[in-house]
Amino acid sequence: MQKIRFAGALFPLLFILLSTSTLYAAPFSERWQDSEPYGVLFNQYDPNFYTGFAPREQKKENITIFLGRGNQVRVRMVLTDDSINHYLEDQVARHALYKEVIDKKVITLTTNKSWELYDARVEDEKLPDLVARKAELNPDEWHRLNLDAIDRLNPGRLHHIQRDFNKMTADFSSSLKTAEPPKALTDKLVLINDFFPHRIYLTDLTEEQYATFTELISLAKADDNAAFAAKSEAFFKDVTADIYVIHDGKLDFYEFTTVFPAGTYDATTTYKGHAIPRFSTTGVWTLIPREHGIGDTGMVDYISKAGYYGLMPMLPYQYAGGASYNAFHNPGISNWMAGHPLIPKQWKKSTENSRSGKPYLRSSITSRGPVSHGCTRMSPGHLTEFREMLPSTSDDMKGIRVFLNLSQCYDIFDVDGDGTEEAMGVQYYIAFQGKSRVANLIWAQNNRKDFYDWLYGDEIVYGEPGEVTVKEATSCNFIKRKAHEGRVYENIKMYEAPYEPEFLQFYTIDGTSAISHEGYDINRELRRVGYGYTVDRKLLKLD
């Protein structure tokens, strides 16, 4: 720890004069002490494909994305029956396509051995054999086989949500009956969204919805329960785009939820006397095609020719002028291992999964803190998985909603549907600033306690994962396009999602530049396998 020399003597002033939160109020130069590696170790920026097992949801209305206090992105998918019932077939088809382009030498694997690990897992899980059983199973058995596979291959991320819809309707009626007559749009939306908290995200009302809502208030106050029940079910389906299954008075559906650490705008703001990461873009946005740039344009899954973007899709949600967009993209920073003053020395010796058997040359890790020019940055493997979860085509990704909280607002959610609301978090403890596309300063030491002192200060009561309590967690209401401070939750537990492993395999395209039109197309096409989509074999040089 650096000490200050004054009047010829050394004084440990950092300990005497400064609190922990003040200590980390500005980034500093010091090697990370925790040697546990994160991110992706690599040698050079090559194209890459996903080698994990997350499901794909083709229906854009069933996907919502959230950024909240603590710097994490939550991706939530309400899985359709189609998504579930095609899961095993999709996994086998994707594996078969990778194997074919490798065997036919369309691509050459480089850097790491993630393909071999993935290939072995497909074999160990006997996924082709499971697909072959489809003909002998009835629809319910096939459905269950797919659900079991999703759960087994993605532990902790599949949630079976069940609710008594009749009770939800009765509670909604009671809330409308007892509430003060709502005048402002905010008041109306809060009441409606509380019909199914954190799973209705209505941000505005059409004239028809407003008329129905007004009628529902009248029916509730008149205790006309039968009419209210019939009208409220139709209203519920309308405001949720009918993405939830209601059967025999019960809500019954499956969600897939993942939480990824994220880097945000390279600045802090002060909240309750504590410096916290600042979110430069807030409110409600949607994924949009990139119409300007230095790669192929006109699509959501844009790939930049700039190597530091990792030759993986950038998913834009805000046009920022000129050729600039704010988007979800990779860290945009890599660190040469040799001589790097921040990287733990143990990382530099790692040969795990190395194709050459030699230590890697570079590391790519996301900063869970201030680092970007305005985008939302994610670790390479997490971005690769994020893309895998979304619809196959650019058109079907266009319009997926992105909710960006105010800097101080927590993302509050009931992950497993058990009725317990929690503030979202993630078990990842690295934050740095970048200069010239390299990490040059750190915001905190990469151990849990120091990192949480910097990230949350005295907003939390510290504890082990699952035991952290947020004293006052302010949430956001999203009204039309804007985020506003909403309900304050007192002494709410923090849900700390495990750090998800990063699954990706590097490769080169034989005879084709990765930053050519043809190279971009091959890169994108390998990421699009999924039910309802026909892979372009000619584009992949397979036919």
Protein backbone atom coordinates (compact mmCIF):
# COMPACT_ATOMS: atom_id res chain seq x y z
CA MET A 1 0.00 0.00 0.00
CA GLN A 2 1.41 3.39 -0.94
CA LYS A 3 2.29 5.66 1.97
CA ILE A 4 2.74 9.44 2.03
CA ARG A 5 6.06 11.05 2.96
CA PHE A 6 5.72 14.24 5.00
CA ALA A 7 8.41 16.23 6.84
CA GLY A 8 10.90 13.40 6.36
CA ALA A 9 8.76 10.68 7.97
CA LEU A 10 6.40 8.00 6.71
CA PHE A 11 2.84 8.16 7.99
CA PRO A 12 0.19 5.53 7.20
CA LEU A 13 -2.25 8.32 6.49
CA LEU A 14 -4.45 6.18 4.29
CA PHE A 15 -5.43 4.21 7.36
CA ILE A 16 -5.59 7.08 9.84
CA LEU A 17 -7.42 9.74 7.87
CA LEU A 18 -9.45 7.98 5.24
CA SER A 19 -12.46 5.68 5.42
CA THR A 20 -12.56 2.66 3.14
CA SER A 21 -15.03 4.30 0.77
CA THR A 22 -12.82 7.39 0.53
CA LEU A 23 -9.79 5.15 0.00
CA TYR A 24 -11.33 3.84 -3.19
CA ALA A 25 -12.87 7.13 -4.32
CA ALA A 26 -10.31 7.30 -7.12
CA PRO A 27 -8.58 4.54 -9.05
CA PHE A 28 -5.03 3.60 -8.06
CA SER A 29 -2.09 1.56 -9.28
CA GLU A 30 -1.58 -1.72 -7.44
CA ARG A 31 -1.40 -5.37 -8.49
CA TRP A 32 -4.53 -7.42 -7.85
CA GLN A 33 -3.87 -9.77 -4.95
CA ASP A 34 -6.51 -12.46 -5.47
CA SER A 35 -5.04 -14.87 -8.01
CA GLU A 36 -8.31 -16.52 -9.07
CA PRO A 37 -8.55 -15.90 -12.84
CA TYR A 38 -11.57 -14.34 -14.53
CA GLY A 39 -12.40 -13.53 -18.11
CA VAL A 40 -10.74 -15.07 -21.14
CA LEU A 41 -7.04 -15.68 -21.68
CA PHE A 42 -6.03 -15.53 -25.35
CA ASN A 43 -3.26 -14.63 -27.78
CA GLN A 44 -4.82 -12.48 -30.50
CA TYR A 45 -8.25 -11.33 -31.61
CA ASP A 46 -9.70 -14.16 -33.69
CA PRO A 47 -13.34 -14.94 -34.53
CA ASN A 48 -14.96 -17.21 -31.98
CA PHE A 49 -18.05 -19.32 -31.41
CA TYR A 50 -20.06 -20.25 -28.33
CA THR A 51 -19.35 -23.56 -26.58
CA GLY A 52 -21.90 -23.52 -23.78
CA PHE A 53 -25.47 -24.76 -23.49
CA ALA A 54 -27.75 -21.78 -22.91
CA PRO A 55 -31.15 -22.04 -24.63
CA ARG A 56 -32.24 -19.73 -27.43
CA GLU A 57 -35.58 -17.89 -27.31
CA GLN A 58 -36.80 -16.81 -30.75
CA LYS A 59 -39.72 -14.66 -29.53
CA LYS A 60 -38.43 -11.16 -28.82
CA GLU A 61 -41.37 -10.20 -26.58
CA ASN A 62 -40.26 -12.89 -24.13
CA ILE A 63 -36.85 -11.32 -23.51
CA THR A 64 -36.05 -8.36 -21.28
CA ILE A 65 -32.66 -6.92 -20.33
CA PHE A 66 -31.87 -4.91 -17.17
CA LEU A 67 -28.88 -2.92 -15.90
CA GLY A 68 -28.87 -1.88 -12.25
CA ARG A 69 -26.90 -0.55 -9.29
CA GLY A 70 -23.96 -2.83 -8.66
CA ASN A 71 -23.05 -2.97 -12.37
CA GLN A 72 -24.65 -6.14 -13.63
CA VAL A 73 -26.82 -7.03 -16.62
CA ARG A 74 -29.74 -9.37 -16.03
CA VAL A 75 -31.10 -11.20 -19.07
CA ARG A 76 -34.51 -12.77 -18.47
CA MET A 77 -36.26 -15.05 -20.94
CA VAL A 78 -39.76 -16.46 -20.55
CA LEU A 79 -39.29 -19.71 -22.44
CA THR A 80 -41.97 -20.63 -24.93
CA ASP A 81 -42.96 -24.27 -25.40
CA ASP A 82 -41.22 -24.10 -28.79
CA SER A 83 -37.99 -22.99 -27.15
CA ILE A 84 -38.18 -25.78 -24.60
CA ASN A 85 -39.26 -28.53 -26.99
CA HIS A 86 -36.50 -27.72 -29.49
CA TYR A 87 -33.72 -27.31 -26.92
CA LEU A 88 -32.04 -30.70 -27.34
CA GLU A 89 -32.39 -30.66 -31.11
CA ASP A 90 -30.88 -27.16 -31.22
CA GLN A 91 -27.91 -28.24 -29.11
CA VAL A 92 -27.22 -31.25 -31.31
CA ALA A 93 -27.63 -29.23 -34.53
CA ARG A 94 -25.22 -26.53 -33.31
CA HIS A 95 -22.61 -29.10 -32.29
CA ALA A 96 -22.97 -30.89 -35.63
CA LEU A 97 -22.53 -27.63 -37.56
CA TYR A 98 -19.35 -26.74 -35.64
CA LYS A 99 -17.97 -30.22 -36.27
CA GLU A 100 -18.73 -30.02 -39.97
CA VAL A 101 -17.03 -26.65 -40.53
CA ILE A 102 -14.01 -27.92 -38.58
CA ASP A 103 -13.82 -31.29 -40.37
CA LYS A 104 -14.25 -29.68 -43.79
CA LYS A 105 -11.56 -27.13 -42.92
CA VAL A 106 -13.79 -24.11 -43.38
CA ILE A 107 -12.27 -22.94 -40.11
CA THR A 108 -9.11 -23.78 -38.16
CA LEU A 109 -9.21 -23.79 -34.37
CA THR A 110 -6.70 -21.53 -32.60
CA THR A 111 -5.57 -20.45 -29.13
CA ASN A 112 -7.67 -22.66 -26.82
CA LYS A 113 -9.33 -26.07 -26.55
CA SER A 114 -12.84 -25.06 -25.63
CA TRP A 115 -14.18 -27.02 -28.63
CA GLU A 116 -12.68 -30.25 -27.32
CA LEU A 117 -14.21 -29.72 -23.88
CA TYR A 118 -17.57 -28.90 -25.44
CA ASP A 119 -17.40 -31.88 -27.78
CA ALA A 120 -16.64 -34.19 -24.85
CA ARG A 121 -19.55 -32.79 -22.84
CA VAL A 122 -21.98 -33.38 -25.72
CA GLU A 123 -20.75 -36.96 -25.85
CA ASP A 124 -20.83 -37.46 -22.06
CA GLU A 125 -24.38 -36.14 -21.88
CA LYS A 126 -25.34 -38.36 -24.83
CA LEU A 127 -27.29 -35.51 -26.38
CA PRO A 128 -27.69 -37.17 -29.81
CA ASP A 129 -29.07 -40.27 -28.07
CA LEU A 130 -31.58 -38.14 -26.18
CA VAL A 131 -32.74 -36.55 -29.44
CA ALA A 132 -33.13 -40.01 -30.95
CA ARG A 133 -35.62 -40.85 -28.19
CA LYS A 134 -38.11 -38.22 -29.37
CA ALA A 135 -40.08 -40.69 -31.53
CA GLU A 136 -40.72 -43.02 -28.57
CA LEU A 137 -41.87 -40.32 -26.13
CA ASN A 138 -45.23 -38.63 -25.82
CA PRO A 139 -45.27 -34.80 -25.95
CA ASP A 140 -45.24 -34.38 -22.16
CA GLU A 141 -42.31 -36.77 -21.75
CA TRP A 142 -40.36 -35.01 -24.51
CA HIS A 143 -41.10 -31.64 -22.89
CA ARG A 144 -39.82 -32.91 -19.53
CA LEU A 145 -36.69 -34.42 -21.10
CA ASN A 146 -35.81 -31.03 -22.60
CA LEU A 147 -36.49 -29.17 -19.36
CA ASP A 148 -34.28 -31.58 -17.44
CA ALA A 149 -31.50 -31.04 -19.98
CA ILE A 150 -31.75 -27.23 -19.76
CA ASP A 151 -31.57 -27.41 -15.98
CA ARG A 152 -28.70 -29.91 -15.87
CA LEU A 153 -26.56 -28.09 -18.44
CA ASN A 154 -27.26 -24.60 -17.01
CA PRO A 155 -27.41 -25.14 -13.24
CA GLY A 156 -29.34 -22.58 -11.21
CA ARG A 157 -30.68 -20.58 -14.15
CA LEU A 158 -33.95 -22.32 -15.06
CA HIS A 159 -36.90 -21.39 -12.83
CA HIS A 160 -40.38 -22.88 -12.78
CA ILE A 161 -42.77 -20.02 -11.94
CA GLN A 162 -46.24 -20.92 -10.68
CA ARG A 163 -48.92 -18.62 -9.32
CA ASP A 164 -52.56 -18.84 -8.35
CA PHE A 165 -53.96 -16.46 -10.93
CA ASN A 166 -57.32 -16.25 -9.15
CA LYS A 167 -55.55 -15.00 -6.02
CA MET A 168 -53.52 -12.54 -8.11
CA THR A 169 -56.78 -11.23 -9.56
CA ALA A 170 -58.36 -10.88 -6.11
CA ASP A 171 -55.27 -9.04 -4.81
CA PHE A 172 -55.33 -6.74 -7.84
CA SER A 173 -58.99 -5.97 -7.23
CA SER A 174 -58.28 -5.18 -3.58
CA SER A 175 -55.41 -2.85 -4.47
CA LEU A 176 -57.58 -0.93 -6.97
CA LYS A 177 -60.42 -0.72 -4.48
CA THR A 178 -58.33 0.70 -1.63
CA ALA A 179 -55.90 2.90 -3.58
CA GLU A 180 -56.36 6.61 -3.97
CA PRO A 181 -57.79 7.34 -7.43
CA PRO A 182 -54.68 7.39 -9.62
CA LYS A 183 -54.25 10.65 -11.49
CA ALA A 184 -50.70 10.62 -12.81
CA LEU A 185 -49.50 8.06 -15.34
CA THR A 186 -46.89 6.90 -12.82
CA ASP A 187 -49.57 5.99 -10.27
CA LYS A 188 -51.55 4.04 -12.86
CA LEU A 189 -48.51 2.10 -14.06
CA VAL A 190 -47.40 1.25 -10.52
CA LEU A 191 -50.82 -0.25 -9.77
CA ILE A 192 -50.90 -2.21 -13.02
CA ASN A 193 -47.32 -3.49 -12.76
CA ASP A 194 -48.06 -4.67 -9.22
CA PHE A 195 -50.62 -7.08 -10.71
CA PHE A 196 -47.53 -9.28 -11.28
CA PRO A 197 -44.58 -7.46 -9.65
CA HIS A 198 -41.34 -7.37 -11.66
CA ARG A 199 -42.88 -9.46 -14.41
CA ILE A 200 -45.12 -6.78 -15.92
CA TYR A 201 -43.09 -3.90 -17.33
CA LEU A 202 -45.74 -1.59 -18.72
CA THR A 203 -44.28 1.85 -19.42
CA ASP A 204 -47.27 3.58 -21.03
CA LEU A 205 -50.99 3.09 -21.66
CA THR A 206 -52.88 3.04 -24.92
CA GLU A 207 -56.32 4.65 -24.98
CA GLU A 208 -57.89 1.18 -24.93
CA GLN A 209 -55.79 0.05 -21.98
CA TYR A 210 -56.61 3.22 -20.07
CA ALA A 211 -60.33 2.70 -20.69
CA THR A 212 -60.15 -0.92 -19.51
CA PHE A 213 -58.15 0.06 -16.44
CA THR A 214 -60.74 2.71 -15.54
CA GLU A 215 -63.47 0.11 -15.91
CA LEU A 216 -61.55 -2.31 -13.69
CA ILE A 217 -61.35 0.32 -10.95
CA SER A 218 -65.12 0.78 -11.11
CA LEU A 219 -65.75 -2.97 -10.99
CA ALA A 220 -63.38 -3.35 -8.03
CA LYS A 221 -65.09 -0.58 -6.06
CA ALA A 222 -68.49 -2.12 -6.88
CA ASP A 223 -67.33 -5.57 -5.65
CA ASP A 224 -68.40 -7.09 -8.98
CA ASN A 225 -65.92 -9.95 -8.65
CA ALA A 226 -67.14 -12.06 -11.57
CA ALA A 227 -67.00 -9.24 -14.08
CA PHE A 228 -63.67 -8.07 -12.66
CA ALA A 229 -62.12 -11.53 -13.00
CA ALA A 230 -63.12 -11.90 -16.64
CA LYS A 231 -62.05 -8.38 -17.57
CA SER A 232 -58.77 -8.54 -15.63
CA GLU A 233 -57.59 -11.75 -17.30
CA ALA A 234 -57.99 -10.20 -20.75
CA PHE A 235 -56.29 -7.04 -19.48
CA PHE A 236 -53.39 -9.09 -18.03
CA LYS A 237 -52.83 -10.83 -21.34
CA ASP A 238 -52.87 -7.50 -23.14
CA VAL A 239 -50.33 -5.70 -20.91
CA THR A 240 -47.98 -8.70 -20.90
CA ALA A 241 -48.16 -9.34 -24.66
CA ASP A 242 -49.67 -12.70 -23.72
CA ILE A 243 -46.28 -14.25 -22.91
CA TYR A 244 -47.46 -16.07 -19.77
CA VAL A 245 -49.43 -19.31 -19.78
CA ILE A 246 -52.67 -19.32 -17.73
CA HIS A 247 -54.30 -22.74 -17.37
CA ASP A 248 -57.14 -23.68 -15.00
CA GLY A 249 -56.69 -20.53 -12.96
CA LYS A 250 -52.92 -21.01 -12.61
CA LEU A 251 -49.93 -19.22 -14.05
CA ASP A 252 -47.38 -21.87 -15.02
CA PHE A 253 -44.25 -21.12 -17.06
CA TYR A 254 -40.47 -21.43 -17.14
CA GLU A 255 -37.94 -18.62 -17.06
CA PHE A 256 -34.24 -18.63 -17.84
CA THR A 257 -32.36 -15.89 -16.00
CA THR A 258 -28.68 -14.98 -16.19
CA VAL A 259 -26.79 -12.16 -14.45
CA PHE A 260 -23.53 -10.90 -15.96
CA PRO A 261 -21.06 -8.32 -14.53
CA ALA A 262 -20.96 -5.14 -16.61
CA GLY A 263 -18.77 -2.13 -17.24
CA THR A 264 -20.38 1.31 -17.51
CA TYR A 265 -19.50 4.93 -18.26
CA ASP A 266 -16.03 6.00 -17.12
CA ALA A 267 -17.17 8.35 -14.37
CA THR A 268 -18.63 8.28 -10.89
CA THR A 269 -21.48 10.17 -9.31
CA THR A 270 -22.10 10.87 -5.64
CA TYR A 271 -25.05 9.22 -3.91
CA LYS A 272 -25.60 9.61 -0.18
CA GLY A 273 -22.02 10.82 0.19
CA HIS A 274 -20.54 7.81 -1.60
CA ALA A 275 -18.96 7.75 -5.07
CA ILE A 276 -20.73 5.14 -7.23
CA PRO A 277 -20.44 4.18 -10.92
CA ARG A 278 -22.38 6.59 -13.10
CA PHE A 279 -24.77 5.34 -15.78
CA SER A 280 -24.66 7.83 -18.64
CA THR A 281 -27.66 6.35 -20.49
CA THR A 282 -30.79 5.47 -18.52
CA GLY A 283 -34.41 4.67 -19.26
CA VAL A 284 -36.10 2.31 -21.71
CA TRP A 285 -34.34 1.44 -24.96
CA THR A 286 -34.55 -1.35 -27.51
CA LEU A 287 -31.99 -3.26 -29.53
CA ILE A 288 -31.64 -1.55 -32.90
CA PRO A 289 -29.81 -2.24 -36.18
CA ARG A 290 -26.54 -0.43 -36.62
CA GLU A 291 -26.84 1.79 -39.69
CA HIS A 292 -23.41 3.45 -39.42
CA GLY A 293 -20.02 1.93 -38.67
CA ILE A 294 -16.85 0.35 -40.06
CA GLY A 295 -18.16 -3.19 -40.54
CA ASP A 296 -21.23 -4.57 -42.27
CA THR A 297 -24.18 -2.39 -41.23
CA GLY A 298 -27.95 -2.67 -41.23
CA MET A 299 -28.18 -5.35 -38.57
CA VAL A 300 -28.40 -5.72 -34.79
CA ASP A 301 -25.60 -8.32 -34.59
CA TYR A 302 -23.05 -5.91 -36.05
CA ILE A 303 -19.37 -6.94 -36.04
CA SER A 304 -16.70 -4.25 -36.08
CA LYS A 305 -13.45 -4.54 -38.02
CA ALA A 306 -11.63 -2.97 -35.04
CA GLY A 307 -9.82 -5.89 -33.46
CA TYR A 308 -10.28 -4.75 -29.88
CA TYR A 309 -14.03 -5.43 -30.19
CA GLY A 310 -13.15 -9.09 -30.34
CA LEU A 311 -14.74 -9.95 -33.72
CA MET A 312 -17.96 -10.72 -31.90
CA PRO A 313 -21.38 -9.08 -32.19
CA MET A 314 -22.00 -5.63 -30.77
CA LEU A 315 -25.67 -5.20 -29.88
CA PRO A 316 -26.64 -1.49 -30.13
CA TYR A 317 -29.50 0.18 -28.30
CA GLN A 318 -28.76 3.92 -28.74
CA TYR A 319 -27.49 5.94 -31.68
CA ALA A 320 -24.82 8.36 -30.44
CA GLY A 321 -24.08 10.33 -33.63
CA GLY A 322 -21.69 9.84 -36.52
CA ALA A 323 -20.55 6.21 -36.56
CA SER A 324 -21.05 5.84 -32.80
CA TYR A 325 -23.60 3.76 -30.93
CA ASN A 326 -24.04 2.75 -27.33
CA ALA A 327 -24.21 -1.01 -27.33
CA PHE A 328 -23.55 -4.19 -25.44
CA HIS A 329 -20.07 -5.24 -26.49
CA ASN A 330 -16.94 -6.98 -25.25
CA PRO A 331 -14.50 -5.28 -22.80
CA GLY A 332 -12.77 -3.36 -25.62
CA ILE A 333 -9.61 -3.76 -23.55
CA SER A 334 -7.00 -6.49 -23.38
CA ASN A 335 -3.92 -6.76 -21.25
CA TRP A 336 -0.59 -8.10 -22.42
CA MET A 337 0.39 -10.45 -19.65
CA ALA A 338 4.15 -9.95 -19.70
CA GLY A 339 5.13 -7.16 -17.38
CA HIS A 340 1.58 -5.94 -16.76
CA PRO A 341 1.63 -4.19 -13.36
CA LEU A 342 -1.96 -5.05 -12.37
CA ILE A 343 -2.41 -8.67 -13.49
CA PRO A 344 -1.73 -11.34 -10.81
CA LYS A 345 1.49 -13.17 -11.62
CA GLN A 346 -0.29 -16.54 -11.46
CA TRP A 347 -2.42 -15.60 -14.49
CA LYS A 348 0.70 -15.13 -16.58
CA LYS A 349 1.75 -18.75 -16.05
CA SER A 350 -1.59 -20.34 -16.89
CA THR A 351 -1.57 -22.95 -19.65
CA GLU A 352 -5.01 -24.36 -18.84
CA ASN A 353 -6.93 -25.14 -22.04
CA SER A 354 -4.07 -23.71 -24.15
CA ARG A 355 -3.90 -25.24 -27.63
CA SER A 356 -0.12 -24.75 -27.83
CA GLY A 357 0.52 -25.82 -24.25
CA LYS A 358 2.24 -22.49 -23.65
CA PRO A 359 1.05 -19.60 -21.42
CA TYR A 360 -1.35 -17.15 -23.04
CA LEU A 361 -0.18 -13.74 -24.17
CA ARG A 362 -3.22 -11.61 -23.20
CA SER A 363 -6.23 -11.44 -20.93
CA SER A 364 -9.67 -9.96 -21.61
CA ILE A 365 -11.78 -9.18 -18.56
CA THR A 366 -14.64 -6.80 -17.99
CA SER A 367 -14.48 -4.02 -15.45
CA ARG A 368 -17.46 -4.11 -13.10
CA GLY A 369 -17.31 -0.37 -12.73
CA PRO A 370 -16.54 2.86 -14.63
CA VAL A 371 -14.64 2.08 -17.84
CA SER A 372 -16.59 2.84 -21.04
CA HIS A 373 -17.35 5.81 -23.29
CA GLY A 374 -21.06 5.13 -22.84
CA CYS A 375 -21.58 1.49 -23.82
CA THR A 376 -22.29 -1.47 -21.59
CA ARG A 377 -19.28 -3.76 -21.60
CA MET A 378 -19.35 -7.48 -20.91
CA SER A 379 -16.73 -10.22 -20.66
CA PRO A 380 -16.09 -12.00 -23.99
CA GLY A 381 -17.62 -15.33 -23.00
CA HIS A 382 -20.62 -13.63 -21.43
CA LEU A 383 -21.27 -11.53 -24.53
CA THR A 384 -20.98 -14.67 -26.65
CA GLU A 385 -23.53 -16.43 -24.45
CA PHE A 386 -25.79 -13.37 -24.39
CA ARG A 387 -25.91 -13.42 -28.20
CA GLU A 388 -26.66 -17.15 -28.16
CA MET A 389 -29.73 -16.60 -25.98
CA LEU A 390 -31.30 -14.08 -28.37
CA PRO A 391 -33.26 -14.78 -31.58
CA SER A 392 -31.34 -16.08 -34.58
CA THR A 393 -31.87 -13.14 -36.94
CA SER A 394 -31.27 -9.43 -36.74
CA ASP A 395 -34.92 -8.67 -37.53
CA ASP A 396 -36.09 -10.85 -34.66
CA MET A 397 -33.69 -9.19 -32.20
CA LYS A 398 -34.82 -5.71 -33.20
CA GLY A 399 -37.07 -4.24 -30.50
CA ILE A 400 -35.96 -6.33 -27.50
CA ARG A 401 -36.45 -4.03 -24.53
CA VAL A 402 -33.52 -2.80 -22.44
CA PHE A 403 -34.21 -1.23 -19.02
CA LEU A 404 -31.31 0.93 -17.80
CA ASN A 405 -31.78 2.07 -14.23
CA LEU A 406 -30.64 5.35 -12.76
CA SER A 407 -27.15 5.01 -11.29
CA GLN A 408 -28.48 4.68 -7.73
CA CYS A 409 -31.38 2.35 -8.51
CA TYR A 410 -31.12 -1.35 -7.80
CA ASP A 411 -32.58 -3.97 -10.10
CA ILE A 412 -35.17 -5.60 -7.82
CA PHE A 413 -36.46 -9.01 -8.85
CA ASP A 414 -37.82 -12.29 -7.48
CA VAL A 415 -35.51 -14.65 -9.36
CA ASP A 416 -37.04 -18.00 -8.53
CA GLY A 417 -40.64 -16.84 -8.17
CA ASP A 418 -40.91 -17.81 -4.49
CA GLY A 419 -42.34 -14.40 -3.56
CA THR A 420 -39.07 -13.06 -2.09
CA GLU A 421 -37.83 -9.89 -3.77
CA GLU A 422 -34.08 -9.33 -3.84
CA ALA A 423 -31.61 -6.73 -5.09
CA MET A 424 -29.58 -8.14 -7.96
CA GLY A 425 -25.84 -8.68 -7.70
CA VAL A 426 -23.16 -11.01 -9.02
CA GLN A 427 -20.07 -12.71 -7.60
CA TYR A 428 -17.40 -10.89 -9.57
CA TYR A 429 -14.89 -8.54 -7.95
CA ILE A 430 -12.85 -6.76 -10.62
CA ALA A 431 -13.07 -3.11 -11.65
CA PHE A 432 -10.50 -1.04 -13.48
CA GLN A 433 -9.97 1.99 -15.67
CA GLY A 434 -8.51 1.66 -19.15
CA LYS A 435 -6.01 3.75 -21.07
CA SER A 436 -4.98 3.04 -24.67
CA ARG A 437 -7.14 -0.13 -24.60
CA VAL A 438 -5.24 -1.52 -21.56
CA ALA A 439 -6.23 -1.64 -17.88
CA ASN A 440 -3.98 0.87 -16.15
CA LEU A 441 -5.64 1.62 -12.78
CA ILE A 442 -7.90 -0.35 -10.47
CA TRP A 443 -10.89 0.89 -8.51
CA ALA A 444 -10.50 -1.63 -5.70
CA GLN A 445 -8.58 -4.71 -4.70
CA ASN A 446 -10.16 -7.83 -6.20
CA ASN A 447 -11.13 -9.46 -2.94
CA ARG A 448 -14.78 -9.52 -1.97
CA LYS A 449 -14.61 -7.24 1.09
CA ASP A 450 -12.51 -4.46 -0.43
CA PHE A 451 -14.51 -4.57 -3.66
CA TYR A 452 -17.86 -4.31 -1.85
CA ASP A 453 -16.56 -1.47 0.32
CA TRP A 454 -15.81 0.40 -2.88
CA LEU A 455 -18.91 -0.60 -4.86
CA TYR A 456 -21.57 -0.32 -2.15
CA GLY A 457 -19.96 1.49 0.79
CA ASP A 458 -22.25 1.58 3.81
CA GLU A 459 -25.38 0.93 1.70
CA ILE A 460 -25.07 -2.75 2.66
CA VAL A 461 -24.61 -4.96 5.68
CA TYR A 462 -21.73 -7.14 4.56
CA GLY A 463 -21.92 -10.93 4.65
CA GLU A 464 -21.17 -14.08 2.74
CA PRO A 465 -22.91 -14.68 -0.62
CA GLY A 466 -26.63 -14.84 0.04
CA GLU A 467 -26.30 -12.98 3.34
CA VAL A 468 -25.68 -9.40 2.19
CA THR A 469 -28.48 -6.99 3.09
CA VAL A 470 -29.09 -3.67 1.36
CA LYS A 471 -30.26 -1.18 3.98
CA GLU A 472 -32.27 0.98 1.57
CA ALA A 473 -32.52 -0.22 -2.01
CA THR A 474 -34.13 2.37 -4.26
CA SER A 475 -35.79 0.89 -7.34
CA CYS A 476 -36.79 2.61 -10.56
CA ASN A 477 -40.14 3.17 -12.21
CA PHE A 478 -39.94 3.32 -16.00
CA ILE A 479 -42.42 5.84 -17.43
CA LYS A 480 -42.53 6.02 -21.22
CA ARG A 481 -38.81 6.27 -22.09
CA LYS A 482 -37.51 7.56 -18.76
CA ALA A 483 -36.36 6.06 -15.47
CA HIS A 484 -37.51 7.65 -12.21
CA GLU A 485 -36.82 6.78 -8.60
CA GLY A 486 -39.53 4.46 -7.32
CA ARG A 487 -40.14 2.32 -4.28
CA VAL A 488 -37.48 2.07 -1.56
CA TYR A 489 -36.98 -1.44 -0.14
CA GLU A 490 -35.64 -1.56 3.40
CA ASN A 491 -33.28 -4.31 4.57
CA ILE A 492 -33.69 -6.36 1.41
CA LYS A 493 -31.42 -9.32 0.70
CA MET A 494 -29.03 -9.24 -2.23
CA TYR A 495 -29.19 -12.07 -4.75
CA GLU A 496 -25.61 -12.71 -5.82
CA ALA A 497 -25.60 -14.77 -8.99
CA PRO A 498 -22.56 -17.01 -9.42
CA TYR A 499 -19.96 -15.88 -11.91
CA GLU A 500 -20.82 -17.85 -15.03
CA PRO A 501 -17.94 -19.65 -16.79
CA GLU A 502 -17.04 -18.21 -20.17
CA PHE A 503 -17.41 -20.61 -23.08
CA LEU A 504 -15.95 -19.67 -26.43
CA GLN A 505 -13.58 -21.16 -29.00
CA PHE A 506 -11.23 -19.09 -31.16
CA TYR A 507 -10.70 -19.90 -34.84
CA THR A 508 -9.55 -18.51 -38.17
CA ILE A 509 -11.42 -18.83 -41.47
CA ASP A 510 -9.40 -20.69 -44.06
CA GLY A 511 -8.70 -18.47 -47.06
CA THR A 512 -10.93 -15.66 -45.80
CA SER A 513 -10.15 -12.53 -43.81
CA ALA A 514 -12.15 -12.29 -40.60
CA ILE A 515 -12.78 -8.58 -41.29
CA SER A 516 -14.18 -9.07 -44.79
CA HIS A 517 -17.84 -9.18 -45.77
CA GLU A 518 -17.54 -12.94 -46.19
CA GLY A 519 -15.78 -13.29 -42.85
CA TYR A 520 -18.46 -11.34 -40.99
CA ASP A 521 -21.17 -13.48 -42.57
CA ILE A 522 -19.53 -16.74 -41.52
CA ASN A 523 -18.95 -15.39 -38.01
CA ARG A 524 -22.60 -14.40 -37.66
CA GLU A 525 -24.02 -17.53 -39.27
CA LEU A 526 -22.30 -19.83 -36.78
CA ARG A 527 -24.17 -17.99 -34.02
CA ARG A 528 -27.66 -18.40 -35.52
CA VAL A 529 -28.52 -22.09 -35.13
CA GLY A 530 -31.99 -22.43 -33.65
CA TYR A 531 -35.47 -23.76 -34.26
CA GLY A 532 -37.28 -21.99 -37.07
CA TYR A 533 -34.03 -20.83 -38.68
CA THR A 534 -32.43 -22.54 -41.68
CA VAL A 535 -28.64 -22.26 -41.68
CA ASP A 536 -27.19 -20.92 -44.93
CA ARG A 537 -24.88 -23.80 -45.85
CA LYS A 538 -23.67 -22.13 -49.01
CA LEU A 539 -22.58 -19.06 -47.07
CA LEU A 540 -20.64 -21.39 -44.73
CA LYS A 541 -18.96 -23.05 -47.75
CA LEU A 542 -20.57 -26.39 -46.91
CA ASP A 543 -22.57 -26.78 -50.16
